[in-house]
Amino acid sequence: MLLRDVKELLDAKVYCGEEYLDREVNSACGADLMSDVLAFVKQEGLLLTGLLNPQIVRTAEMMDIYCIMIVRGKTPDETIVNLARAKGIVLMTTECHMYDACGKLYRAGLGR
């Protein structure tokens, strides 16, 4: 699934990385514990989280995650946006709750 499709499916707002929306992601993970992300996430994936701290970007970088989707309509601050931009990671937000966002992605064919 292309990140562009993820954006449309979740009616997401892009904060940075618009130029990377044609990247394909093969898996997704919804988590607020970054230790779970480090233990269970596959590469080339999408991270859905409700956290708003720089650790989400650092964790995504370590795990070769292309995109971070912040759920529940939360707004990232400039520190997070600038860090994601510097690392070439797409940063988006959606009004969906994590459960709903994961369900929509799963129904659309994105695995874990």
PDB file of N, CA and C in Angstrom:
ATOM      1  N   MET A   1       0.847  -1.168   0.000  1.00  0.00           N
ATOM      2  CA  MET A   1       0.000   0.000   0.000  1.00  0.00           C
ATOM      3  C   MET A   1       0.899   1.240   0.000  1.00  0.00           C
ATOM      4  N   LEU A   2       0.547   2.203  -0.810  1.00  0.00           N
ATOM      5  CA  LEU A   2       1.309   3.447  -0.860  1.00  0.00           C
ATOM      6  C   LEU A   2       0.919   4.352   0.316  1.00  0.00           C
ATOM      7  N   LEU A   3       1.865   5.157   0.766  1.00  0.00           N
ATOM      8  CA  LEU A   3       1.563   6.104   1.842  1.00  0.00           C
ATOM      9  C   LEU A   3       0.465   7.076   1.424  1.00  0.00           C
ATOM     10  N   ARG A   4       0.395   7.357   0.144  1.00  0.00           N
ATOM     11  CA  ARG A   4      -0.669   8.226  -0.377  1.00  0.00           C
ATOM     12  C   ARG A   4      -2.051   7.604  -0.107  1.00  0.00           C
ATOM     13  N   ASP A   5      -2.125   6.274  -0.243  1.00  0.00           N
ATOM     14  CA  ASP A   5      -3.373   5.564   0.031  1.00  0.00           C
ATOM     15  C   ASP A   5      -3.703   5.583   1.522  1.00  0.00           C
ATOM     16  N   VAL A   6      -2.677   5.446   2.348  1.00  0.00           N
ATOM     17  CA  VAL A   6      -2.862   5.519   3.798  1.00  0.00           C
ATOM     18  C   VAL A   6      -3.408   6.889   4.181  1.00  0.00           C
ATOM     19  N   LYS A   7      -2.832   7.917   3.601  1.00  0.00           N
ATOM     20  CA  LYS A   7      -3.276   9.291   3.870  1.00  0.00           C
ATOM     21  C   LYS A   7      -4.759   9.459   3.548  1.00  0.00           C
ATOM     22  N   GLU A   8      -5.160   8.983   2.381  1.00  0.00           N
ATOM     23  CA  GLU A   8      -6.561   9.112   1.965  1.00  0.00           C
ATOM     24  C   GLU A   8      -7.483   8.272   2.835  1.00  0.00           C
ATOM     25  N   LEU A   9      -7.070   7.049   3.127  1.00  0.00           N
ATOM     26  CA  LEU A   9      -7.895   6.132   3.900  1.00  0.00           C
ATOM     27  C   LEU A   9      -8.185   6.671   5.306  1.00  0.00           C
ATOM     28  N   LEU A  10      -7.170   7.299   5.909  1.00  0.00           N
ATOM     29  CA  LEU A  10      -7.322   7.801   7.279  1.00  0.00           C
ATOM     30  C   LEU A  10      -7.611   9.295   7.324  1.00  0.00           C
ATOM     31  N   ASP A  11      -7.831   9.900   6.147  1.00  0.00           N
ATOM     32  CA  ASP A  11      -8.109  11.338   6.059  1.00  0.00           C
ATOM     33  C   ASP A  11      -7.078  12.118   6.877  1.00  0.00           C
ATOM     34  N   ALA A  12      -5.814  11.844   6.590  1.00  0.00           N
ATOM     35  CA  ALA A  12      -4.704  12.360   7.386  1.00  0.00           C
ATOM     36  C   ALA A  12      -4.160  13.688   6.855  1.00  0.00           C
ATOM     37  N   LYS A  13      -3.550  14.420   7.752  1.00  0.00           N
ATOM     38  CA  LYS A  13      -2.846  15.656   7.420  1.00  0.00           C
ATOM     39  C   LYS A  13      -1.349  15.361   7.440  1.00  0.00           C
ATOM     40  N   VAL A  14      -0.642  15.790   6.404  1.00  0.00           N
ATOM     41  CA  VAL A  14       0.803  15.575   6.313  1.00  0.00           C
ATOM     42  C   VAL A  14       1.533  16.780   6.893  1.00  0.00           C
ATOM     43  N   TYR A  15       2.417  16.523   7.848  1.00  0.00           N
ATOM     44  CA  TYR A  15       3.223  17.587   8.435  1.00  0.00           C
ATOM     45  C   TYR A  15       4.592  17.698   7.774  1.00  0.00           C
ATOM     46  N   CYS A  16       5.121  16.581   7.325  1.00  0.00           N
ATOM     47  CA  CYS A  16       6.375  16.615   6.555  1.00  0.00           C
ATOM     48  C   CYS A  16       6.507  15.312   5.780  1.00  0.00           C
ATOM     49  N   GLY A  17       7.278  15.361   4.717  1.00  0.00           N
ATOM     50  CA  GLY A  17       7.526  14.183   3.907  1.00  0.00           C
ATOM     51  C   GLY A  17       6.550  13.977   2.765  1.00  0.00           C
ATOM     52  N   GLU A  18       5.840  15.019   2.395  1.00  0.00           N
ATOM     53  CA  GLU A  18       4.869  14.911   1.289  1.00  0.00           C
ATOM     54  C   GLU A  18       5.528  14.315   0.036  1.00  0.00           C
ATOM     55  N   GLU A  19       6.799  14.593  -0.156  1.00  0.00           N
ATOM     56  CA  GLU A  19       7.500  14.100  -1.346  1.00  0.00           C
ATOM     57  C   GLU A  19       7.718  12.581  -1.319  1.00  0.00           C
ATOM     58  N   TYR A  20       7.461  11.942  -0.167  1.00  0.00           N
ATOM     59  CA  TYR A  20       7.669  10.494  -0.036  1.00  0.00           C
ATOM     60  C   TYR A  20       6.356   9.699  -0.056  1.00  0.00           C
ATOM     61  N   LEU A  21       5.249  10.318  -0.398  1.00  0.00           N
ATOM     62  CA  LEU A  21       3.957   9.636  -0.325  1.00  0.00           C
ATOM     63  C   LEU A  21       3.801   8.506  -1.331  1.00  0.00           C
ATOM     64  N   ASP A  22       4.720   8.376  -2.283  1.00  0.00           N
ATOM     65  CA  ASP A  22       4.661   7.266  -3.228  1.00  0.00           C
ATOM     66  C   ASP A  22       5.471   6.058  -2.755  1.00  0.00           C
ATOM     67  N   ARG A  23       5.982   6.114  -1.527  1.00  0.00           N
ATOM     68  CA  ARG A  23       6.654   4.946  -0.949  1.00  0.00           C
ATOM     69  C   ARG A  23       5.612   3.900  -0.588  1.00  0.00           C
ATOM     70  N   GLU A  24       6.012   2.649  -0.732  1.00  0.00           N
ATOM     71  CA  GLU A  24       5.114   1.549  -0.380  1.00  0.00           C
ATOM     72  C   GLU A  24       5.454   1.036   1.014  1.00  0.00           C
ATOM     73  N   VAL A  25       4.412   0.800   1.794  1.00  0.00           N
ATOM     74  CA  VAL A  25       4.584   0.174   3.108  1.00  0.00           C
ATOM     75  C   VAL A  25       3.914  -1.194   3.068  1.00  0.00           C
ATOM     76  N   ASN A  26       4.529  -2.149   3.754  1.00  0.00           N
ATOM     77  CA  ASN A  26       4.044  -3.525   3.729  1.00  0.00           C
ATOM     78  C   ASN A  26       3.475  -3.983   5.062  1.00  0.00           C
ATOM     79  N   SER A  27       3.670  -3.168   6.102  1.00  0.00           N
ATOM     80  CA  SER A  27       3.195  -3.571   7.417  1.00  0.00           C
ATOM     81  C   SER A  27       2.905  -2.332   8.248  1.00  0.00           C
ATOM     82  N   ALA A  28       2.158  -2.538   9.327  1.00  0.00           N
ATOM     83  CA  ALA A  28       1.832  -1.444  10.233  1.00  0.00           C
ATOM     84  C   ALA A  28       1.851  -1.957  11.660  1.00  0.00           C
ATOM     85  N   CYS A  29       2.088  -1.023  12.583  1.00  0.00           N
ATOM     86  CA  CYS A  29       2.093  -1.352  14.002  1.00  0.00           C
ATOM     87  C   CYS A  29       1.465  -0.196  14.753  1.00  0.00           C
ATOM     88  N   GLY A  30       0.534  -0.497  15.634  1.00  0.00           N
ATOM     89  CA  GLY A  30      -0.054   0.508  16.501  1.00  0.00           C
ATOM     90  C   GLY A  30       0.470   0.294  17.903  1.00  0.00           C
ATOM     91  N   ALA A  31       1.226   1.266  18.429  1.00  0.00           N
ATOM     92  CA  ALA A  31       1.810   1.102  19.758  1.00  0.00           C
ATOM     93  C   ALA A  31       2.182   2.451  20.355  1.00  0.00           C
ATOM     94  N   ASP A  32       2.069   2.517  21.678  1.00  0.00           N
ATOM     95  CA  ASP A  32       2.554   3.677  22.412  1.00  0.00           C
ATOM     96  C   ASP A  32       3.804   3.340  23.218  1.00  0.00           C
ATOM     97  N   LEU A  33       4.122   2.076  23.337  1.00  0.00           N
ATOM     98  CA  LEU A  33       5.356   1.664  23.998  1.00  0.00           C
ATOM     99  C   LEU A  33       6.427   1.453  22.934  1.00  0.00           C
ATOM    100  N   MET A  34       7.418   2.311  22.908  1.00  0.00           N
ATOM    101  CA  MET A  34       8.449   2.202  21.879  1.00  0.00           C
ATOM    102  C   MET A  34       9.264   0.929  22.050  1.00  0.00           C
ATOM    103  N   SER A  35       9.308   0.349  23.250  1.00  0.00           N
ATOM    104  CA  SER A  35       9.989  -0.933  23.431  1.00  0.00           C
ATOM    105  C   SER A  35       9.256  -2.035  22.658  1.00  0.00           C
ATOM    106  N   ASP A  36       7.918  -1.964  22.574  1.00  0.00           N
ATOM    107  CA  ASP A  36       7.167  -2.927  21.766  1.00  0.00           C
ATOM    108  C   ASP A  36       7.474  -2.745  20.286  1.00  0.00           C
ATOM    109  N   VAL A  37       7.610  -1.519  19.867  1.00  0.00           N
ATOM    110  CA  VAL A  37       7.951  -1.248  18.468  1.00  0.00           C
ATOM    111  C   VAL A  37       9.311  -1.850  18.147  1.00  0.00           C
ATOM    112  N   LEU A  38      10.279  -1.647  19.022  1.00  0.00           N
ATOM    113  CA  LEU A  38      11.616  -2.199  18.801  1.00  0.00           C
ATOM    114  C   LEU A  38      11.596  -3.721  18.768  1.00  0.00           C
ATOM    115  N   ALA A  39      10.713  -4.345  19.528  1.00  0.00           N
ATOM    116  CA  ALA A  39      10.684  -5.800  19.619  1.00  0.00           C
ATOM    117  C   ALA A  39       9.886  -6.466  18.493  1.00  0.00           C
ATOM    118  N   PHE A  40       8.850  -5.809  17.986  1.00  0.00           N
ATOM    119  CA  PHE A  40       7.914  -6.516  17.124  1.00  0.00           C
ATOM    120  C   PHE A  40       7.729  -5.958  15.720  1.00  0.00           C
ATOM    121  N   VAL A  41       8.217  -4.772  15.433  1.00  0.00           N
ATOM    122  CA  VAL A  41       7.924  -4.141  14.144  1.00  0.00           C
ATOM    123  C   VAL A  41       8.826  -4.670  13.044  1.00  0.00           C
ATOM    124  N   LYS A  42       8.207  -4.857  11.872  1.00  0.00           N
ATOM    125  CA  LYS A  42       8.960  -5.208  10.672  1.00  0.00           C
ATOM    126  C   LYS A  42       9.430  -3.920  10.011  1.00  0.00           C
ATOM    127  N   GLN A  43      10.451  -4.027   9.207  1.00  0.00           N
ATOM    128  CA  GLN A  43      10.966  -2.859   8.500  1.00  0.00           C
ATOM    129  C   GLN A  43      10.015  -2.425   7.399  1.00  0.00           C
ATOM    130  N   GLU A  44      10.263  -1.234   6.907  1.00  0.00           N
ATOM    131  CA  GLU A  44       9.478  -0.655   5.810  1.00  0.00           C
ATOM    132  C   GLU A  44       8.000  -0.570   6.166  1.00  0.00           C
ATOM    133  N   GLY A  45       7.739  -0.176   7.389  1.00  0.00           N
ATOM    134  CA  GLY A  45       6.369  -0.140   7.853  1.00  0.00           C
ATOM    135  C   GLY A  45       5.884   1.238   8.231  1.00  0.00           C
ATOM    136  N   LEU A  46       4.735   1.216   8.861  1.00  0.00           N
ATOM    137  CA  LEU A  46       4.020   2.400   9.296  1.00  0.00           C
ATOM    138  C   LEU A  46       3.804   2.267  10.795  1.00  0.00           C
ATOM    139  N   LEU A  47       4.119   3.303  11.543  1.00  0.00           N
ATOM    140  CA  LEU A  47       3.904   3.323  12.988  1.00  0.00           C
ATOM    141  C   LEU A  47       2.726   4.222  13.301  1.00  0.00           C
ATOM    142  N   LEU A  48       1.730   3.669  13.984  1.00  0.00           N
ATOM    143  CA  LEU A  48       0.613   4.456  14.474  1.00  0.00           C
ATOM    144  C   LEU A  48       0.802   4.606  15.979  1.00  0.00           C
ATOM    145  N   THR A  49       0.737   5.835  16.466  1.00  0.00           N
ATOM    146  CA  THR A  49       0.966   6.072  17.887  1.00  0.00           C
ATOM    147  C   THR A  49       0.226   7.312  18.355  1.00  0.00           C
ATOM    148  N   GLY A  50      -0.005   7.365  19.637  1.00  0.00           N
ATOM    149  CA  GLY A  50      -0.595   8.542  20.252  1.00  0.00           C
ATOM    150  C   GLY A  50       0.434   9.375  20.978  1.00  0.00           C
ATOM    151  N   LEU A  51       1.679   8.949  20.934  1.00  0.00           N
ATOM    152  CA  LEU A  51       2.747   9.680  21.619  1.00  0.00           C
ATOM    153  C   LEU A  51       3.167  10.920  20.840  1.00  0.00           C
ATOM    154  N   LEU A  52       3.609  11.908  21.573  1.00  0.00           N
ATOM    155  CA  LEU A  52       4.115  13.142  20.969  1.00  0.00           C
ATOM    156  C   LEU A  52       5.443  13.507  21.609  1.00  0.00           C
ATOM    157  N   ASN A  53       6.464  12.741  21.290  1.00  0.00           N
ATOM    158  CA  ASN A  53       7.805  13.066  21.761  1.00  0.00           C
ATOM    159  C   ASN A  53       8.824  12.649  20.706  1.00  0.00           C
ATOM    160  N   PRO A  54      10.039  13.171  20.791  1.00  0.00           N
ATOM    161  CA  PRO A  54      11.055  12.865  19.765  1.00  0.00           C
ATOM    162  C   PRO A  54      11.420  11.384  19.675  1.00  0.00           C
ATOM    163  N   GLN A  55      11.128  10.599  20.720  1.00  0.00           N
ATOM    164  CA  GLN A  55      11.464   9.180  20.697  1.00  0.00           C
ATOM    165  C   GLN A  55      10.724   8.439  19.584  1.00  0.00           C
ATOM    166  N   ILE A  56       9.560   8.920  19.194  1.00  0.00           N
ATOM    167  CA  ILE A  56       8.844   8.230  18.117  1.00  0.00           C
ATOM    168  C   ILE A  56       9.626   8.313  16.810  1.00  0.00           C
ATOM    169  N   VAL A  57      10.265   9.446  16.574  1.00  0.00           N
ATOM    170  CA  VAL A  57      11.056   9.613  15.349  1.00  0.00           C
ATOM    171  C   VAL A  57      12.345   8.808  15.441  1.00  0.00           C
ATOM    172  N   ARG A  58      12.983   8.837  16.588  1.00  0.00           N
ATOM    173  CA  ARG A  58      14.235   8.072  16.751  1.00  0.00           C
ATOM    174  C   ARG A  58      13.983   6.574  16.624  1.00  0.00           C
ATOM    175  N   THR A  59      12.888   6.109  17.186  1.00  0.00           N
ATOM    176  CA  THR A  59      12.541   4.695  17.069  1.00  0.00           C
ATOM    177  C   THR A  59      12.235   4.338  15.614  1.00  0.00           C
ATOM    178  N   ALA A  60      11.473   5.170  14.941  1.00  0.00           N
ATOM    179  CA  ALA A  60      11.157   4.932  13.526  1.00  0.00           C
ATOM    180  C   ALA A  60      12.437   4.859  12.698  1.00  0.00           C
ATOM    181  N   GLU A  61      13.361   5.743  12.959  1.00  0.00           N
ATOM    182  CA  GLU A  61      14.625   5.736  12.215  1.00  0.00           C
ATOM    183  C   GLU A  61      15.382   4.427  12.440  1.00  0.00           C
ATOM    184  N   MET A  62      15.451   3.980  13.679  1.00  0.00           N
ATOM    185  CA  MET A  62      16.172   2.741  14.006  1.00  0.00           C
ATOM    186  C   MET A  62      15.562   1.525  13.322  1.00  0.00           C
ATOM    187  N   MET A  63      14.248   1.534  13.162  1.00  0.00           N
ATOM    188  CA  MET A  63      13.539   0.373  12.626  1.00  0.00           C
ATOM    189  C   MET A  63      13.215   0.504  11.137  1.00  0.00           C
ATOM    190  N   ASP A  64      13.763   1.500  10.462  1.00  0.00           N
ATOM    191  CA  ASP A  64      13.491   1.734   9.038  1.00  0.00           C
ATOM    192  C   ASP A  64      11.995   1.871   8.761  1.00  0.00           C
ATOM    193  N   ILE A  65      11.308   2.571   9.642  1.00  0.00           N
ATOM    194  CA  ILE A  65       9.891   2.858   9.463  1.00  0.00           C
ATOM    195  C   ILE A  65       9.792   4.127   8.635  1.00  0.00           C
ATOM    196  N   TYR A  66       9.015   4.075   7.563  1.00  0.00           N
ATOM    197  CA  TYR A  66       8.916   5.194   6.632  1.00  0.00           C
ATOM    198  C   TYR A  66       7.964   6.291   7.075  1.00  0.00           C
ATOM    199  N   CYS A  67       7.003   5.931   7.922  1.00  0.00           N
ATOM    200  CA  CYS A  67       5.943   6.884   8.228  1.00  0.00           C
ATOM    201  C   CYS A  67       5.463   6.730   9.664  1.00  0.00           C
ATOM    202  N   ILE A  68       5.214   7.847  10.301  1.00  0.00           N
ATOM    203  CA  ILE A  68       4.594   7.881  11.620  1.00  0.00           C
ATOM    204  C   ILE A  68       3.237   8.544  11.461  1.00  0.00           C
ATOM    205  N   MET A  69       2.206   7.860  11.939  1.00  0.00           N
ATOM    206  CA  MET A  69       0.844   8.389  11.929  1.00  0.00           C
ATOM    207  C   MET A  69       0.453   8.631  13.387  1.00  0.00           C
ATOM    208  N   ILE A  70       0.256   9.887  13.732  1.00  0.00           N
ATOM    209  CA  ILE A  70      -0.170  10.235  15.081  1.00  0.00           C
ATOM    210  C   ILE A  70      -1.693  10.232  15.100  1.00  0.00           C
ATOM    211  N   VAL A  71      -2.257   9.482  16.036  1.00  0.00           N
ATOM    212  CA  VAL A  71      -3.706   9.280  16.085  1.00  0.00           C
ATOM    213  C   VAL A  71      -4.382  10.254  17.055  1.00  0.00           C
ATOM    214  N   ARG A  72      -5.700  10.206  17.056  1.00  0.00           N
ATOM    215  CA  ARG A  72      -6.560  10.991  17.940  1.00  0.00           C
ATOM    216  C   ARG A  72      -6.433  12.497  17.736  1.00  0.00           C
ATOM    217  N   GLY A  73      -6.045  12.909  16.541  1.00  0.00           N
ATOM    218  CA  GLY A  73      -6.013  14.327  16.206  1.00  0.00           C
ATOM    219  C   GLY A  73      -4.985  15.152  16.950  1.00  0.00           C
ATOM    220  N   LYS A  74      -4.003  14.505  17.522  1.00  0.00           N
ATOM    221  CA  LYS A  74      -2.958  15.242  18.243  1.00  0.00           C
ATOM    222  C   LYS A  74      -2.069  15.983  17.253  1.00  0.00           C
ATOM    223  N   THR A  75      -1.509  17.100  17.707  1.00  0.00           N
ATOM    224  CA  THR A  75      -0.669  17.942  16.854  1.00  0.00           C
ATOM    225  C   THR A  75       0.782  17.874  17.318  1.00  0.00           C
ATOM    226  N   PRO A  76       1.694  17.446  16.444  1.00  0.00           N
ATOM    227  CA  PRO A  76       3.112  17.397  16.824  1.00  0.00           C
ATOM    228  C   PRO A  76       3.708  18.797  16.895  1.00  0.00           C
ATOM    229  N   ASP A  77       4.658  18.973  17.815  1.00  0.00           N
ATOM    230  CA  ASP A  77       5.325  20.275  17.891  1.00  0.00           C
ATOM    231  C   ASP A  77       6.448  20.341  16.857  1.00  0.00           C
ATOM    232  N   GLU A  78       7.027  21.520  16.728  1.00  0.00           N
ATOM    233  CA  GLU A  78       8.060  21.753  15.711  1.00  0.00           C
ATOM    234  C   GLU A  78       9.284  20.871  15.894  1.00  0.00           C
ATOM    235  N   THR A  79       9.612  20.521  17.129  1.00  0.00           N
ATOM    236  CA  THR A  79      10.764  19.651  17.382  1.00  0.00           C
ATOM    237  C   THR A  79      10.575  18.306  16.686  1.00  0.00           C
ATOM    238  N   ILE A  80       9.394  17.728  16.843  1.00  0.00           N
ATOM    239  CA  ILE A  80       9.105  16.429  16.237  1.00  0.00           C
ATOM    240  C   ILE A  80       9.049  16.554  14.718  1.00  0.00           C
ATOM    241  N   VAL A  81       8.391  17.582  14.223  1.00  0.00           N
ATOM    242  CA  VAL A  81       8.270  17.779  12.774  1.00  0.00           C
ATOM    243  C   VAL A  81       9.655  17.968  12.151  1.00  0.00           C
ATOM    244  N   ASN A  82      10.471  18.809  12.750  1.00  0.00           N
ATOM    245  CA  ASN A  82      11.804  19.066  12.200  1.00  0.00           C
ATOM    246  C   ASN A  82      12.686  17.828  12.239  1.00  0.00           C
ATOM    247  N   LEU A  83      12.581  17.032  13.304  1.00  0.00           N
ATOM    248  CA  LEU A  83      13.377  15.810  13.403  1.00  0.00           C
ATOM    249  C   LEU A  83      12.941  14.803  12.344  1.00  0.00           C
ATOM    250  N   ALA A  84      11.637  14.641  12.173  1.00  0.00           N
ATOM    251  CA  ALA A  84      11.130  13.722  11.142  1.00  0.00           C
ATOM    252  C   ALA A  84      11.568  14.183   9.754  1.00  0.00           C
ATOM    253  N   ARG A  85      11.483  15.475   9.498  1.00  0.00           N
ATOM    254  CA  ARG A  85      11.904  16.023   8.208  1.00  0.00           C
ATOM    255  C   ARG A  85      13.386  15.730   7.967  1.00  0.00           C
ATOM    256  N   ALA A  86      14.210  15.946   8.986  1.00  0.00           N
ATOM    257  CA  ALA A  86      15.651  15.718   8.854  1.00  0.00           C
ATOM    258  C   ALA A  86      15.976  14.248   8.589  1.00  0.00           C
ATOM    259  N   LYS A  87      15.150  13.347   9.096  1.00  0.00           N
ATOM    260  CA  LYS A  87      15.395  11.909   8.933  1.00  0.00           C
ATOM    261  C   LYS A  87      14.693  11.332   7.700  1.00  0.00           C
ATOM    262  N   GLY A  88      13.938  12.151   6.971  1.00  0.00           N
ATOM    263  CA  GLY A  88      13.249  11.671   5.775  1.00  0.00           C
ATOM    264  C   GLY A  88      12.064  10.765   6.088  1.00  0.00           C
ATOM    265  N   ILE A  89      11.426  11.009   7.226  1.00  0.00           N
ATOM    266  CA  ILE A  89      10.287  10.205   7.661  1.00  0.00           C
ATOM    267  C   ILE A  89       9.007  11.017   7.463  1.00  0.00           C
ATOM    268  N   VAL A  90       8.016  10.392   6.857  1.00  0.00           N
ATOM    269  CA  VAL A  90       6.721  11.043   6.677  1.00  0.00           C
ATOM    270  C   VAL A  90       6.034  11.115   8.037  1.00  0.00           C
ATOM    271  N   LEU A  91       5.500  12.289   8.362  1.00  0.00           N
ATOM    272  CA  LEU A  91       4.786  12.490   9.622  1.00  0.00           C
ATOM    273  C   LEU A  91       3.386  12.989   9.307  1.00  0.00           C
ATOM    274  N   MET A  92       2.394  12.198   9.743  1.00  0.00           N
ATOM    275  CA  MET A  92       1.000  12.556   9.492  1.00  0.00           C
ATOM    276  C   MET A  92       0.197  12.447  10.787  1.00  0.00           C
ATOM    277  N   THR A  93      -0.971  13.083  10.774  1.00  0.00           N
ATOM    278  CA  THR A  93      -1.908  12.933  11.877  1.00  0.00           C
ATOM    279  C   THR A  93      -3.288  12.579  11.322  1.00  0.00           C
ATOM    280  N   THR A  94      -4.049  11.877  12.140  1.00  0.00           N
ATOM    281  CA  THR A  94      -5.422  11.524  11.799  1.00  0.00           C
ATOM    282  C   THR A  94      -6.308  11.724  13.014  1.00  0.00           C
ATOM    283  N   GLU A  95      -7.552  12.030  12.770  1.00  0.00           N
ATOM    284  CA  GLU A  95      -8.522  12.168  13.851  1.00  0.00           C
ATOM    285  C   GLU A  95      -8.954  10.798  14.387  1.00  0.00           C
ATOM    286  N   CYS A  96      -8.682   9.742  13.627  1.00  0.00           N
ATOM    287  CA  CYS A  96      -9.074   8.395  14.043  1.00  0.00           C
ATOM    288  C   CYS A  96      -8.388   7.984  15.342  1.00  0.00           C
ATOM    289  N   HIS A  97      -9.090   7.195  16.131  1.00  0.00           N
ATOM    290  CA  HIS A  97      -8.463   6.554  17.279  1.00  0.00           C
ATOM    291  C   HIS A  97      -7.617   5.400  16.761  1.00  0.00           C
ATOM    292  N   MET A  98      -6.656   4.956  17.549  1.00  0.00           N
ATOM    293  CA  MET A  98      -5.730   3.938  17.075  1.00  0.00           C
ATOM    294  C   MET A  98      -6.453   2.663  16.635  1.00  0.00           C
ATOM    295  N   TYR A  99      -7.417   2.220  17.418  1.00  0.00           N
ATOM    296  CA  TYR A  99      -8.158   0.998  17.087  1.00  0.00           C
ATOM    297  C   TYR A  99      -8.821   1.126  15.716  1.00  0.00           C
ATOM    298  N   ASP A 100      -9.486   2.239  15.490  1.00  0.00           N
ATOM    299  CA  ASP A 100     -10.172   2.460  14.216  1.00  0.00           C
ATOM    300  C   ASP A 100      -9.188   2.559  13.056  1.00  0.00           C
ATOM    301  N   ALA A 101      -8.095   3.281  13.258  1.00  0.00           N
ATOM    302  CA  ALA A 101      -7.098   3.445  12.200  1.00  0.00           C
ATOM    303  C   ALA A 101      -6.487   2.098  11.824  1.00  0.00           C
ATOM    304  N   CYS A 102      -6.134   1.300  12.824  1.00  0.00           N
ATOM    305  CA  CYS A 102      -5.554  -0.017  12.546  1.00  0.00           C
ATOM    306  C   CYS A 102      -6.566  -0.901  11.815  1.00  0.00           C
ATOM    307  N   GLY A 103      -7.825  -0.841  12.226  1.00  0.00           N
ATOM    308  CA  GLY A 103      -8.858  -1.636  11.575  1.00  0.00           C
ATOM    309  C   GLY A 103      -9.055  -1.255  10.115  1.00  0.00           C
ATOM    310  N   LYS A 104      -9.076   0.036   9.840  1.00  0.00           N
ATOM    311  CA  LYS A 104      -9.230   0.493   8.460  1.00  0.00           C
ATOM    312  C   LYS A 104      -8.066   0.027   7.600  1.00  0.00           C
ATOM    313  N   LEU A 105      -6.858   0.123   8.112  1.00  0.00           N
ATOM    314  CA  LEU A 105      -5.677  -0.314   7.358  1.00  0.00           C
ATOM    315  C   LEU A 105      -5.694  -1.810   7.131  1.00  0.00           C
ATOM    316  N   TYR A 106      -6.084  -2.546   8.142  1.00  0.00           N
ATOM    317  CA  TYR A 106      -6.140  -4.007   8.019  1.00  0.00           C
ATOM    318  C   TYR A 106      -7.172  -4.423   6.969  1.00  0.00           C
ATOM    319  N   ARG A 107      -8.357  -3.812   7.032  1.00  0.00           N
ATOM    320  CA  ARG A 107      -9.401  -4.118   6.047  1.00  0.00           C
ATOM    321  C   ARG A 107      -8.969  -3.766   4.631  1.00  0.00           C
ATOM    322  N   ALA A 108      -8.115  -2.764   4.505  1.00  0.00           N
ATOM    323  CA  ALA A 108      -7.628  -2.348   3.188  1.00  0.00           C
ATOM    324  C   ALA A 108      -6.478  -3.217   2.687  1.00  0.00           C
ATOM    325  N   GLY A 109      -6.045  -4.179   3.511  1.00  0.00           N
ATOM    326  CA  GLY A 109      -5.038  -5.128   3.056  1.00  0.00           C
ATOM    327  C   GLY A 109      -3.649  -4.956   3.628  1.00  0.00           C
ATOM    328  N   LEU A 110      -3.454  -3.994   4.514  1.00  0.00           N
ATOM    329  CA  LEU A 110      -2.123  -3.801   5.109  1.00  0.00           C
ATOM    330  C   LEU A 110      -1.945  -4.773   6.262  1.00  0.00           C
ATOM    331  N   GLY A 111      -0.880  -5.551   6.226  1.00  0.00           N
ATOM    332  CA  GLY A 111      -0.623  -6.558   7.256  1.00  0.00           C
ATOM    333  C   GLY A 111       0.193  -6.021   8.409  1.00  0.00           C
ATOM    334  N   ARG A 112       0.600  -6.923   9.290  1.00  0.00           N
ATOM    335  CA  ARG A 112       1.424  -6.510  10.421  1.00  0.00           C
ATOM    336  C   ARG A 112       2.812  -7.079  10.323  1.00  0.00           C
TER     337      ARG A 112
END
